Amino acid sequence: MSKQYLTTHTVDDAHITDIFSIATTPTQLLSASGGSSIKVHSTSSPDIPLEQTLCGAHTLGCHHIVTARNGRMAASAGFGGEVKIWSISEEHQWVEEGKIMDGNKAGEIWAIALSEDGQFLASTTYDGRINVWDLLDGRKKIREYETKGSFGMSIDMSRDGRFTASGHENGGVYIFNNDTGRMLYSLPGLVKPVRSVAFSPAGTRLAAAGDARVIALYDVQHGEQVANLTGHSAWILSVDWSDTGEYLLSGSYDGKVKVWSIDRRACVATHSETDKTLWSIKWLPKNPGKSEAFAAAGANRSISLYREATGG
């Protein structure tokens, strides 16, 4: 059975350049671009008003922004090599908490991910190292993992903070155990750049996708590939799990968004509102009484929001 999603709102010209990354909290959507400012929109109102602009956050632009699921912490990575940590104030405004500087050169920190509670941040590097930082203990590096030396293009951390996964330019996908500080698995299956990795909500599955145009699903406990989701005809740049783990969202270079049923291993919805690159897609946190919704953004400089069509 297919699902239908309707466009509920589009924030036109949200940024002056490509929007490279979006992140969500229970009430907000944060977006980052090749421009220097980060934008914060409210998702509590139907017209998605702009709530805050973090002016000059990253002088050379920002390629990744992530949030903790509790909605209290965020991190952003700029093209200059700096990572900024943000927290929400009592006035419900984002304020800069500090920076992580690791050599302060472009590529030393690329993709980033936050644990559910915002305590840990994981990052990739140009030469394949994976670092984990404790943000509550002086923003101190507590782990450094080595891989086969290929540029780390994507990273995710399981919600419980136990596992970190990374995807690399050479097609490598790795899972690390943060408790032991060891690599758990070097995963098979993808031989082209891996641009997005994402743990399922329960941390039992890992999705990985990229230039192979396939989404590989792995069993985290055993390190086995359990499925391939095929149907995209262009590079897959972003994947994200729904809160229940029943559905996976993917966005691609040709502007298409797909929704996949994990149980059926099948695509149940495709949207192509733009033919321009979609750099980032995200489910919005599920609110009681509201239908499923997601956001997409990319080279058209706009943010589009979709909601599942309900009723007969």
C-alpha atoms as a PDB file:
ATOM      1  CA  MET A   1       0.000   0.000   0.000  1.00  0.00           C
ATOM      2  CA  SER A   2       1.410   3.370  -0.990  1.00  0.00           C
ATOM      3  CA  LYS A   3       1.376   6.491   1.153  1.00  0.00           C
ATOM      4  CA  GLN A   4       0.634  10.016   0.025  1.00  0.00           C
ATOM      5  CA  TYR A   5       2.255  13.178   1.354  1.00  0.00           C
ATOM      6  CA  LEU A   6       1.051  16.692   0.608  1.00  0.00           C
ATOM      7  CA  THR A   7       3.184  19.818   0.506  1.00  0.00           C
ATOM      8  CA  THR A   8       1.996  21.893   3.463  1.00  0.00           C
ATOM      9  CA  HIS A   9       4.384  24.828   3.249  1.00  0.00           C
ATOM     10  CA  THR A  10       7.479  26.035   1.432  1.00  0.00           C
ATOM     11  CA  VAL A  11       9.875  28.617   2.837  1.00  0.00           C
ATOM     12  CA  ASP A  12      11.074  30.206  -0.401  1.00  0.00           C
ATOM     13  CA  ASP A  13      14.592  31.669  -0.521  1.00  0.00           C
ATOM     14  CA  ALA A  14      15.264  30.587   3.054  1.00  0.00           C
ATOM     15  CA  HIS A  15      18.987  31.133   2.366  1.00  0.00           C
ATOM     16  CA  ILE A  16      20.928  32.957  -0.335  1.00  0.00           C
ATOM     17  CA  THR A  17      22.877  29.822  -1.333  1.00  0.00           C
ATOM     18  CA  ASP A  18      22.392  26.038  -1.326  1.00  0.00           C
ATOM     19  CA  ILE A  19      20.989  24.677   1.944  1.00  0.00           C
ATOM     20  CA  PHE A  20      23.394  21.894   2.837  1.00  0.00           C
ATOM     21  CA  SER A  21      21.902  20.645   6.099  1.00  0.00           C
ATOM     22  CA  ILE A  22      18.720  20.782   8.179  1.00  0.00           C
ATOM     23  CA  ALA A  23      18.042  19.554  11.708  1.00  0.00           C
ATOM     24  CA  THR A  24      14.921  19.395  13.858  1.00  0.00           C
ATOM     25  CA  THR A  25      13.793  19.755  17.457  1.00  0.00           C
ATOM     26  CA  PRO A  26      10.264  19.076  18.750  1.00  0.00           C
ATOM     27  CA  THR A  27       9.271  22.663  17.812  1.00  0.00           C
ATOM     28  CA  GLN A  28      11.908  23.986  15.414  1.00  0.00           C
ATOM     29  CA  LEU A  29      13.773  23.425  12.174  1.00  0.00           C
ATOM     30  CA  LEU A  30      17.364  24.656  11.878  1.00  0.00           C
ATOM     31  CA  SER A  31      19.012  25.138   8.487  1.00  0.00           C
ATOM     32  CA  ALA A  32      22.573  25.797   7.352  1.00  0.00           C
ATOM     33  CA  SER A  33      23.943  26.850   3.991  1.00  0.00           C
ATOM     34  CA  GLY A  34      26.897  28.246   2.084  1.00  0.00           C
ATOM     35  CA  GLY A  35      26.022  31.579   3.669  1.00  0.00           C
ATOM     36  CA  SER A  36      27.337  32.630   7.067  1.00  0.00           C
ATOM     37  CA  SER A  37      24.038  32.501   9.013  1.00  0.00           C
ATOM     38  CA  ILE A  38      22.020  29.652  10.506  1.00  0.00           C
ATOM     39  CA  LYS A  39      18.221  30.061  10.346  1.00  0.00           C
ATOM     40  CA  VAL A  40      15.740  28.790  12.935  1.00  0.00           C
ATOM     41  CA  HIS A  41      12.094  28.309  11.898  1.00  0.00           C
ATOM     42  CA  SER A  42       9.186  27.350  14.133  1.00  0.00           C
ATOM     43  CA  THR A  43       7.383  24.146  13.160  1.00  0.00           C
ATOM     44  CA  SER A  44       4.626  24.797  15.720  1.00  0.00           C
ATOM     45  CA  SER A  45       2.868  27.276  13.414  1.00  0.00           C
ATOM     46  CA  PRO A  46       1.462  26.307   9.981  1.00  0.00           C
ATOM     47  CA  ASP A  47       3.301  29.146   8.215  1.00  0.00           C
ATOM     48  CA  ILE A  48       6.699  28.083   9.648  1.00  0.00           C
ATOM     49  CA  PRO A  49       7.795  31.576  10.741  1.00  0.00           C
ATOM     50  CA  LEU A  50      11.452  32.543  11.125  1.00  0.00           C
ATOM     51  CA  GLU A  51      12.194  32.638  14.865  1.00  0.00           C
ATOM     52  CA  GLN A  52      15.891  33.388  14.965  1.00  0.00           C
ATOM     53  CA  THR A  53      18.878  34.059  12.706  1.00  0.00           C
ATOM     54  CA  LEU A  54      22.306  33.142  14.057  1.00  0.00           C
ATOM     55  CA  CYS A  55      24.170  35.823  12.132  1.00  0.00           C
ATOM     56  CA  GLY A  56      27.766  35.181  11.157  1.00  0.00           C
ATOM     57  CA  ALA A  57      27.751  31.713  12.716  1.00  0.00           C
ATOM     58  CA  HIS A  58      30.241  30.422  10.139  1.00  0.00           C
ATOM     59  CA  THR A  59      32.121  32.957   8.013  1.00  0.00           C
ATOM     60  CA  LEU A  60      32.765  30.556   5.117  1.00  0.00           C
ATOM     61  CA  GLY A  61      29.388  28.825   5.367  1.00  0.00           C
ATOM     62  CA  CYS A  62      28.166  25.706   7.161  1.00  0.00           C
ATOM     63  CA  HIS A  63      27.970  22.189   5.738  1.00  0.00           C
ATOM     64  CA  HIS A  64      26.470  20.243   8.663  1.00  0.00           C
ATOM     65  CA  ILE A  65      24.073  21.072  11.476  1.00  0.00           C
ATOM     66  CA  VAL A  66      22.744  18.526  13.985  1.00  0.00           C
ATOM     67  CA  THR A  67      20.530  18.606  17.067  1.00  0.00           C
ATOM     68  CA  ALA A  68      20.126  16.420  20.125  1.00  0.00           C
ATOM     69  CA  ARG A  69      16.731  14.739  20.367  1.00  0.00           C
ATOM     70  CA  ASN A  70      15.980  16.553  23.601  1.00  0.00           C
ATOM     71  CA  GLY A  71      15.981  19.796  21.611  1.00  0.00           C
ATOM     72  CA  ARG A  72      18.400  21.496  24.017  1.00  0.00           C
ATOM     73  CA  MET A  73      21.710  21.187  22.159  1.00  0.00           C
ATOM     74  CA  ALA A  74      22.911  21.697  18.594  1.00  0.00           C
ATOM     75  CA  ALA A  75      26.236  21.603  16.770  1.00  0.00           C
ATOM     76  CA  SER A  76      27.275  23.102  13.443  1.00  0.00           C
ATOM     77  CA  ALA A  77      30.363  22.491  11.299  1.00  0.00           C
ATOM     78  CA  GLY A  78      31.751  25.194   9.015  1.00  0.00           C
ATOM     79  CA  PHE A  79      33.840  25.097   5.869  1.00  0.00           C
ATOM     80  CA  GLY A  80      36.650  26.791   7.798  1.00  0.00           C
ATOM     81  CA  GLY A  81      37.109  23.699   9.968  1.00  0.00           C
ATOM     82  CA  GLU A  82      35.413  24.981  13.121  1.00  0.00           C
ATOM     83  CA  VAL A  83      32.547  23.342  15.027  1.00  0.00           C
ATOM     84  CA  LYS A  84      30.259  25.461  17.175  1.00  0.00           C
ATOM     85  CA  ILE A  85      28.159  24.127  20.042  1.00  0.00           C
ATOM     86  CA  TRP A  86      24.778  25.748  20.722  1.00  0.00           C
ATOM     87  CA  SER A  87      22.293  25.465  23.573  1.00  0.00           C
ATOM     88  CA  ILE A  88      18.765  26.758  24.074  1.00  0.00           C
ATOM     89  CA  SER A  89      18.385  29.525  26.639  1.00  0.00           C
ATOM     90  CA  GLU A  90      15.556  30.134  29.099  1.00  0.00           C
ATOM     91  CA  GLU A  91      14.293  32.746  26.627  1.00  0.00           C
ATOM     92  CA  HIS A  92      14.063  29.950  24.021  1.00  0.00           C
ATOM     93  CA  GLN A  93      16.910  31.424  21.977  1.00  0.00           C
ATOM     94  CA  TRP A  94      19.937  29.548  20.660  1.00  0.00           C
ATOM     95  CA  VAL A  95      23.202  30.786  22.154  1.00  0.00           C
ATOM     96  CA  GLU A  96      26.770  29.737  21.387  1.00  0.00           C
ATOM     97  CA  GLU A  97      28.268  27.565  24.119  1.00  0.00           C
ATOM     98  CA  GLY A  98      31.743  27.231  22.678  1.00  0.00           C
ATOM     99  CA  LYS A  99      33.807  25.687  19.905  1.00  0.00           C
ATOM    100  CA  ILE A 100      35.646  22.507  19.099  1.00  0.00           C
ATOM    101  CA  MET A 101      38.895  23.237  17.310  1.00  0.00           C
ATOM    102  CA  ASP A 102      40.844  20.256  16.021  1.00  0.00           C
ATOM    103  CA  GLY A 103      43.769  21.622  14.100  1.00  0.00           C
ATOM    104  CA  ASN A 104      41.414  24.338  12.807  1.00  0.00           C
ATOM    105  CA  LYS A 105      41.791  23.411   9.185  1.00  0.00           C
ATOM    106  CA  ALA A 106      39.159  22.534   6.634  1.00  0.00           C
ATOM    107  CA  GLY A 107      38.483  18.808   6.471  1.00  0.00           C
ATOM    108  CA  GLU A 108      39.814  18.048   9.941  1.00  0.00           C
ATOM    109  CA  ILE A 109      36.191  17.966  11.078  1.00  0.00           C
ATOM    110  CA  TRP A 110      33.599  17.218   8.403  1.00  0.00           C
ATOM    111  CA  ALA A 111      30.409  15.292   9.205  1.00  0.00           C
ATOM    112  CA  ILE A 112      29.070  15.501  12.786  1.00  0.00           C
ATOM    113  CA  ALA A 113      26.476  13.734  14.954  1.00  0.00           C
ATOM    114  CA  LEU A 114      25.117  14.254  18.463  1.00  0.00           C
ATOM    115  CA  SER A 115      23.942  11.688  21.001  1.00  0.00           C
ATOM    116  CA  GLU A 116      20.304  11.845  22.102  1.00  0.00           C
ATOM    117  CA  ASP A 117      21.093  13.794  25.291  1.00  0.00           C
ATOM    118  CA  GLY A 118      23.615  16.098  23.627  1.00  0.00           C
ATOM    119  CA  GLN A 119      26.538  14.952  25.763  1.00  0.00           C
ATOM    120  CA  PHE A 120      28.627  13.356  22.998  1.00  0.00           C
ATOM    121  CA  LEU A 121      29.574  14.598  19.555  1.00  0.00           C
ATOM    122  CA  ALA A 122      31.129  12.397  16.883  1.00  0.00           C
ATOM    123  CA  SER A 123      32.975  13.735  13.835  1.00  0.00           C
ATOM    124  CA  THR A 124      34.741  12.503  10.707  1.00  0.00           C
ATOM    125  CA  THR A 125      37.966  13.725   9.115  1.00  0.00           C
ATOM    126  CA  TYR A 126      39.441  13.976   5.619  1.00  0.00           C
ATOM    127  CA  ASP A 127      41.825  11.075   6.327  1.00  0.00           C
ATOM    128  CA  GLY A 128      39.355   8.591   7.806  1.00  0.00           C
ATOM    129  CA  ARG A 129      39.722   9.166  11.548  1.00  0.00           C
ATOM    130  CA  ILE A 130      36.572   9.233  13.680  1.00  0.00           C
ATOM    131  CA  ASN A 131      36.592  11.334  16.855  1.00  0.00           C
ATOM    132  CA  VAL A 132      34.167  11.383  19.788  1.00  0.00           C
ATOM    133  CA  TRP A 133      33.986  14.386  22.143  1.00  0.00           C
ATOM    134  CA  ASP A 134      32.427  14.766  25.591  1.00  0.00           C
ATOM    135  CA  LEU A 135      30.682  18.140  25.462  1.00  0.00           C
ATOM    136  CA  LEU A 136      29.873  18.160  29.177  1.00  0.00           C
ATOM    137  CA  ASP A 137      33.470  17.553  30.233  1.00  0.00           C
ATOM    138  CA  GLY A 138      35.285  20.504  28.747  1.00  0.00           C
ATOM    139  CA  ARG A 139      34.575  19.470  25.142  1.00  0.00           C
ATOM    140  CA  LYS A 140      37.323  16.899  25.522  1.00  0.00           C
ATOM    141  CA  LYS A 141      38.147  14.273  22.894  1.00  0.00           C
ATOM    142  CA  ILE A 142      37.532  10.859  24.480  1.00  0.00           C
ATOM    143  CA  ARG A 143      37.842   8.528  21.477  1.00  0.00           C
ATOM    144  CA  GLU A 144      39.783   8.448  18.228  1.00  0.00           C
ATOM    145  CA  TYR A 145      39.067   5.590  15.844  1.00  0.00           C
ATOM    146  CA  GLU A 146      41.178   4.682  12.829  1.00  0.00           C
ATOM    147  CA  THR A 147      39.743   3.382   9.557  1.00  0.00           C
ATOM    148  CA  LYS A 148      41.399   2.644   6.228  1.00  0.00           C
ATOM    149  CA  GLY A 149      42.202   6.301   5.643  1.00  0.00           C
ATOM    150  CA  SER A 150      39.384   7.314   3.294  1.00  0.00           C
ATOM    151  CA  PHE A 151      37.582  10.655   3.686  1.00  0.00           C
ATOM    152  CA  GLY A 152      34.737  10.351   6.208  1.00  0.00           C
ATOM    153  CA  MET A 153      31.666  11.716   4.423  1.00  0.00           C
ATOM    154  CA  SER A 154      28.945  10.803   6.931  1.00  0.00           C
ATOM    155  CA  ILE A 155      28.444   9.826  10.554  1.00  0.00           C
ATOM    156  CA  ASP A 156      25.721   8.946  13.035  1.00  0.00           C
ATOM    157  CA  MET A 157      25.493   8.015  16.690  1.00  0.00           C
ATOM    158  CA  SER A 158      22.917   5.606  18.113  1.00  0.00           C
ATOM    159  CA  ARG A 159      20.350   7.203  20.403  1.00  0.00           C
ATOM    160  CA  ASP A 160      21.774   5.509  23.478  1.00  0.00           C
ATOM    161  CA  GLY A 161      25.264   6.799  22.611  1.00  0.00           C
ATOM    162  CA  ARG A 162      26.752   3.285  22.555  1.00  0.00           C
ATOM    163  CA  PHE A 163      27.580   3.089  18.847  1.00  0.00           C
ATOM    164  CA  THR A 164      29.049   5.386  16.212  1.00  0.00           C
ATOM    165  CA  ALA A 165      28.828   4.595  12.488  1.00  0.00           C
ATOM    166  CA  SER A 166      30.661   6.260   9.617  1.00  0.00           C
ATOM    167  CA  GLY A 167      30.476   6.193   5.810  1.00  0.00           C
ATOM    168  CA  HIS A 168      33.502   6.923   3.625  1.00  0.00           C
ATOM    169  CA  GLU A 169      34.498   8.038   0.149  1.00  0.00           C
ATOM    170  CA  ASN A 170      35.866   4.596  -0.723  1.00  0.00           C
ATOM    171  CA  GLY A 171      32.531   2.913   0.105  1.00  0.00           C
ATOM    172  CA  GLY A 172      33.623   1.809   3.568  1.00  0.00           C
ATOM    173  CA  VAL A 173      31.009   1.631   6.347  1.00  0.00           C
ATOM    174  CA  TYR A 174      32.148   1.098   9.944  1.00  0.00           C
ATOM    175  CA  ILE A 175      30.477   0.636  13.314  1.00  0.00           C
ATOM    176  CA  PHE A 176      32.369   1.455  16.523  1.00  0.00           C
ATOM    177  CA  ASN A 177      31.554   0.579  20.139  1.00  0.00           C
ATOM    178  CA  ASN A 178      31.919   3.759  22.193  1.00  0.00           C
ATOM    179  CA  ASP A 179      31.952   1.803  25.467  1.00  0.00           C
ATOM    180  CA  THR A 180      34.980  -0.297  24.561  1.00  0.00           C
ATOM    181  CA  GLY A 181      36.635   2.143  22.159  1.00  0.00           C
ATOM    182  CA  ARG A 182      36.912  -0.529  19.476  1.00  0.00           C
ATOM    183  CA  MET A 183      35.729  -1.023  15.930  1.00  0.00           C
ATOM    184  CA  LEU A 184      32.885  -3.546  15.912  1.00  0.00           C
ATOM    185  CA  TYR A 185      32.409  -4.062  12.190  1.00  0.00           C
ATOM    186  CA  SER A 186      33.761  -3.120   8.812  1.00  0.00           C
ATOM    187  CA  LEU A 187      30.605  -3.640   6.768  1.00  0.00           C
ATOM    188  CA  PRO A 188      30.339  -5.049   3.240  1.00  0.00           C
ATOM    189  CA  GLY A 189      28.137  -4.016   0.363  1.00  0.00           C
ATOM    190  CA  LEU A 190      28.865  -0.480  -0.891  1.00  0.00           C
ATOM    191  CA  VAL A 191      31.803   0.231  -3.191  1.00  0.00           C
ATOM    192  CA  LYS A 192      31.101   3.908  -3.942  1.00  0.00           C
ATOM    193  CA  PRO A 193      31.102   7.029  -1.711  1.00  0.00           C
ATOM    194  CA  VAL A 194      28.741   6.711   1.271  1.00  0.00           C
ATOM    195  CA  ARG A 195      27.131  10.113   1.817  1.00  0.00           C
ATOM    196  CA  SER A 196      24.706   9.261   4.619  1.00  0.00           C
ATOM    197  CA  VAL A 197      24.474   6.753   7.478  1.00  0.00           C
ATOM    198  CA  ALA A 198      21.686   6.550  10.060  1.00  0.00           C
ATOM    199  CA  PHE A 199      20.873   4.276  12.995  1.00  0.00           C
ATOM    200  CA  SER A 200      17.284   3.159  13.509  1.00  0.00           C
ATOM    201  CA  PRO A 201      15.607   4.518  16.684  1.00  0.00           C
ATOM    202  CA  ALA A 202      16.238   1.276  18.574  1.00  0.00           C
ATOM    203  CA  GLY A 203      19.814   1.081  17.292  1.00  0.00           C
ATOM    204  CA  THR A 204      19.273  -2.369  15.781  1.00  0.00           C
ATOM    205  CA  ARG A 205      19.622  -1.348  12.120  1.00  0.00           C
ATOM    206  CA  LEU A 206      21.954   0.926  10.206  1.00  0.00           C
ATOM    207  CA  ALA A 207      21.039   2.467   6.859  1.00  0.00           C
ATOM    208  CA  ALA A 208      23.844   3.565   4.522  1.00  0.00           C
ATOM    209  CA  ALA A 209      23.537   5.202   1.101  1.00  0.00           C
ATOM    210  CA  GLY A 210      25.405   7.264  -1.450  1.00  0.00           C
ATOM    211  CA  ASP A 211      26.669   7.169  -5.004  1.00  0.00           C
ATOM    212  CA  ALA A 212      25.737   3.515  -5.513  1.00  0.00           C
ATOM    213  CA  ARG A 213      22.075   4.703  -5.556  1.00  0.00           C
ATOM    214  CA  VAL A 214      21.193   1.912  -3.164  1.00  0.00           C
ATOM    215  CA  ILE A 215      20.251   2.052   0.523  1.00  0.00           C
ATOM    216  CA  ALA A 216      21.972  -0.801   2.345  1.00  0.00           C
ATOM    217  CA  LEU A 217      20.402  -1.989   5.616  1.00  0.00           C
ATOM    218  CA  TYR A 218      22.635  -3.679   8.179  1.00  0.00           C
ATOM    219  CA  ASP A 219      21.929  -5.642  11.349  1.00  0.00           C
ATOM    220  CA  VAL A 220      23.950  -3.809  14.008  1.00  0.00           C
ATOM    221  CA  GLN A 221      24.171  -6.772  16.387  1.00  0.00           C
ATOM    222  CA  HIS A 222      25.676  -9.160  13.852  1.00  0.00           C
ATOM    223  CA  GLY A 223      27.226  -6.796  11.301  1.00  0.00           C
ATOM    224  CA  GLU A 224      25.336  -8.385   8.419  1.00  0.00           C
ATOM    225  CA  GLN A 225      23.716  -6.736   5.434  1.00  0.00           C
ATOM    226  CA  VAL A 226      20.027  -7.673   5.568  1.00  0.00           C
ATOM    227  CA  ALA A 227      18.523  -5.698   2.659  1.00  0.00           C
ATOM    228  CA  ASN A 228      19.103  -3.418  -0.310  1.00  0.00           C
ATOM    229  CA  LEU A 229      16.499  -0.735  -1.085  1.00  0.00           C
ATOM    230  CA  THR A 230      16.668   0.132  -4.786  1.00  0.00           C
ATOM    231  CA  GLY A 231      14.767   2.700  -6.824  1.00  0.00           C
ATOM    232  CA  HIS A 232      16.738   5.934  -6.807  1.00  0.00           C
ATOM    233  CA  SER A 233      18.299   6.832 -10.157  1.00  0.00           C
ATOM    234  CA  ALA A 234      20.763   9.384  -8.747  1.00  0.00           C
ATOM    235  CA  TRP A 235      23.165   9.696  -5.828  1.00  0.00           C
ATOM    236  CA  ILE A 236      21.466   9.428  -2.440  1.00  0.00           C
ATOM    237  CA  LEU A 237      22.643  12.289  -0.248  1.00  0.00           C
ATOM    238  CA  SER A 238      20.577  11.946   2.924  1.00  0.00           C
ATOM    239  CA  VAL A 239      18.625   9.271   4.833  1.00  0.00           C
ATOM    240  CA  ASP A 240      16.573   9.523   8.034  1.00  0.00           C
ATOM    241  CA  TRP A 241      14.460   7.096  10.102  1.00  0.00           C
ATOM    242  CA  SER A 242      10.930   7.820  11.305  1.00  0.00           C
ATOM    243  CA  ASP A 243      10.418   7.891  15.084  1.00  0.00           C
ATOM    244  CA  THR A 244       8.855   4.427  15.070  1.00  0.00           C
ATOM    245  CA  GLY A 245      11.517   2.886  12.830  1.00  0.00           C
ATOM    246  CA  GLU A 246       8.807   1.748  10.401  1.00  0.00           C
ATOM    247  CA  TYR A 247       9.829   4.089   7.589  1.00  0.00           C
ATOM    248  CA  LEU A 248      13.010   5.458   6.086  1.00  0.00           C
ATOM    249  CA  LEU A 249      13.261   8.751   4.226  1.00  0.00           C
ATOM    250  CA  SER A 250      15.808   9.404   1.479  1.00  0.00           C
ATOM    251  CA  GLY A 251      16.722  12.411  -0.632  1.00  0.00           C
ATOM    252  CA  SER A 252      18.756  12.419  -3.812  1.00  0.00           C
ATOM    253  CA  TYR A 253      20.836  14.452  -6.233  1.00  0.00           C
ATOM    254  CA  ASP A 254      17.971  14.647  -8.766  1.00  0.00           C
ATOM    255  CA  GLY A 255      15.558  16.256  -6.299  1.00  0.00           C
ATOM    256  CA  LYS A 256      13.516  13.162  -5.483  1.00  0.00           C
ATOM    257  CA  VAL A 257      12.408  12.219  -1.969  1.00  0.00           C
ATOM    258  CA  LYS A 258      11.385   8.629  -1.268  1.00  0.00           C
ATOM    259  CA  VAL A 259       9.660   7.037   1.706  1.00  0.00           C
ATOM    260  CA  TRP A 260      10.458   3.358   2.295  1.00  0.00           C
ATOM    261  CA  SER A 261       8.579   0.748   4.308  1.00  0.00           C
ATOM    262  CA  ILE A 262      11.148  -1.220   6.299  1.00  0.00           C
ATOM    263  CA  ASP A 263       8.808  -4.196   6.790  1.00  0.00           C
ATOM    264  CA  ARG A 264       8.012  -4.450   3.090  1.00  0.00           C
ATOM    265  CA  ARG A 265      11.491  -3.404   1.898  1.00  0.00           C
ATOM    266  CA  ALA A 266       9.704  -1.222  -0.654  1.00  0.00           C
ATOM    267  CA  CYS A 267       9.264   2.421  -1.649  1.00  0.00           C
ATOM    268  CA  VAL A 268       5.770   3.596  -0.651  1.00  0.00           C
ATOM    269  CA  ALA A 269       5.979   7.253  -1.771  1.00  0.00           C
ATOM    270  CA  THR A 270       8.046   9.413  -4.143  1.00  0.00           C
ATOM    271  CA  HIS A 271       8.026  13.203  -4.390  1.00  0.00           C
ATOM    272  CA  SER A 272       9.862  15.374  -6.888  1.00  0.00           C
ATOM    273  CA  GLU A 273       8.866  18.972  -6.239  1.00  0.00           C
ATOM    274  CA  THR A 274      12.227  20.159  -7.526  1.00  0.00           C
ATOM    275  CA  ASP A 275      14.738  18.809 -10.022  1.00  0.00           C
ATOM    276  CA  LYS A 276      17.560  20.408  -8.058  1.00  0.00           C
ATOM    277  CA  THR A 277      19.784  18.581  -5.602  1.00  0.00           C
ATOM    278  CA  LEU A 278      18.284  17.761  -2.204  1.00  0.00           C
ATOM    279  CA  TRP A 279      21.190  17.974   0.206  1.00  0.00           C
ATOM    280  CA  SER A 280      19.214  17.183   3.360  1.00  0.00           C
ATOM    281  CA  ILE A 281      15.903  15.589   4.399  1.00  0.00           C
ATOM    282  CA  LYS A 282      14.483  15.088   7.904  1.00  0.00           C
ATOM    283  CA  TRP A 283      11.392  13.682   9.549  1.00  0.00           C
ATOM    284  CA  LEU A 284       9.771  16.147  11.919  1.00  0.00           C
ATOM    285  CA  PRO A 285       9.336  14.759  15.449  1.00  0.00           C
ATOM    286  CA  LYS A 286       5.936  13.095  15.730  1.00  0.00           C
ATOM    287  CA  ASN A 287       3.484  15.068  17.838  1.00  0.00           C
ATOM    288  CA  PRO A 288       0.368  13.466  19.376  1.00  0.00           C
ATOM    289  CA  GLY A 289      -2.635  13.781  17.100  1.00  0.00           C
ATOM    290  CA  LYS A 290      -0.552  14.959  14.141  1.00  0.00           C
ATOM    291  CA  SER A 291       0.185  12.975  11.006  1.00  0.00           C
ATOM    292  CA  GLU A 292       3.722  12.159   9.857  1.00  0.00           C
ATOM    293  CA  ALA A 293       5.664  15.059   8.366  1.00  0.00           C
ATOM    294  CA  PHE A 294       9.094  15.682   6.879  1.00  0.00           C
ATOM    295  CA  ALA A 295      11.196  18.522   5.500  1.00  0.00           C
ATOM    296  CA  ALA A 296      13.525  18.716   2.504  1.00  0.00           C
ATOM    297  CA  ALA A 297      16.055  21.347   1.421  1.00  0.00           C
ATOM    298  CA  GLY A 298      18.867  21.792  -1.045  1.00  0.00           C
ATOM    299  CA  ALA A 299      20.063  23.629  -4.125  1.00  0.00           C
ATOM    300  CA  ASN A 300      16.787  25.496  -4.715  1.00  0.00           C
ATOM    301  CA  ARG A 301      17.508  27.394  -1.460  1.00  0.00           C
ATOM    302  CA  SER A 302      14.021  26.655  -0.135  1.00  0.00           C
ATOM    303  CA  ILE A 303      12.699  24.443   2.652  1.00  0.00           C
ATOM    304  CA  SER A 304       9.668  22.320   1.765  1.00  0.00           C
ATOM    305  CA  LEU A 305       7.492  20.622   4.374  1.00  0.00           C
ATOM    306  CA  TYR A 306       5.268  17.632   3.690  1.00  0.00           C
ATOM    307  CA  ARG A 307       2.581  15.941   5.749  1.00  0.00           C
ATOM    308  CA  GLU A 308       0.969  12.563   5.269  1.00  0.00           C
ATOM    309  CA  ALA A 309      -2.458  12.760   3.686  1.00  0.00           C
ATOM    310  CA  THR A 310      -5.080  11.252   5.982  1.00  0.00           C
ATOM    311  CA  GLY A 311      -8.756  10.472   5.656  1.00  0.00           C
ATOM    312  CA  GLY A 312     -10.711   8.798   2.934  1.00  0.00           C
END
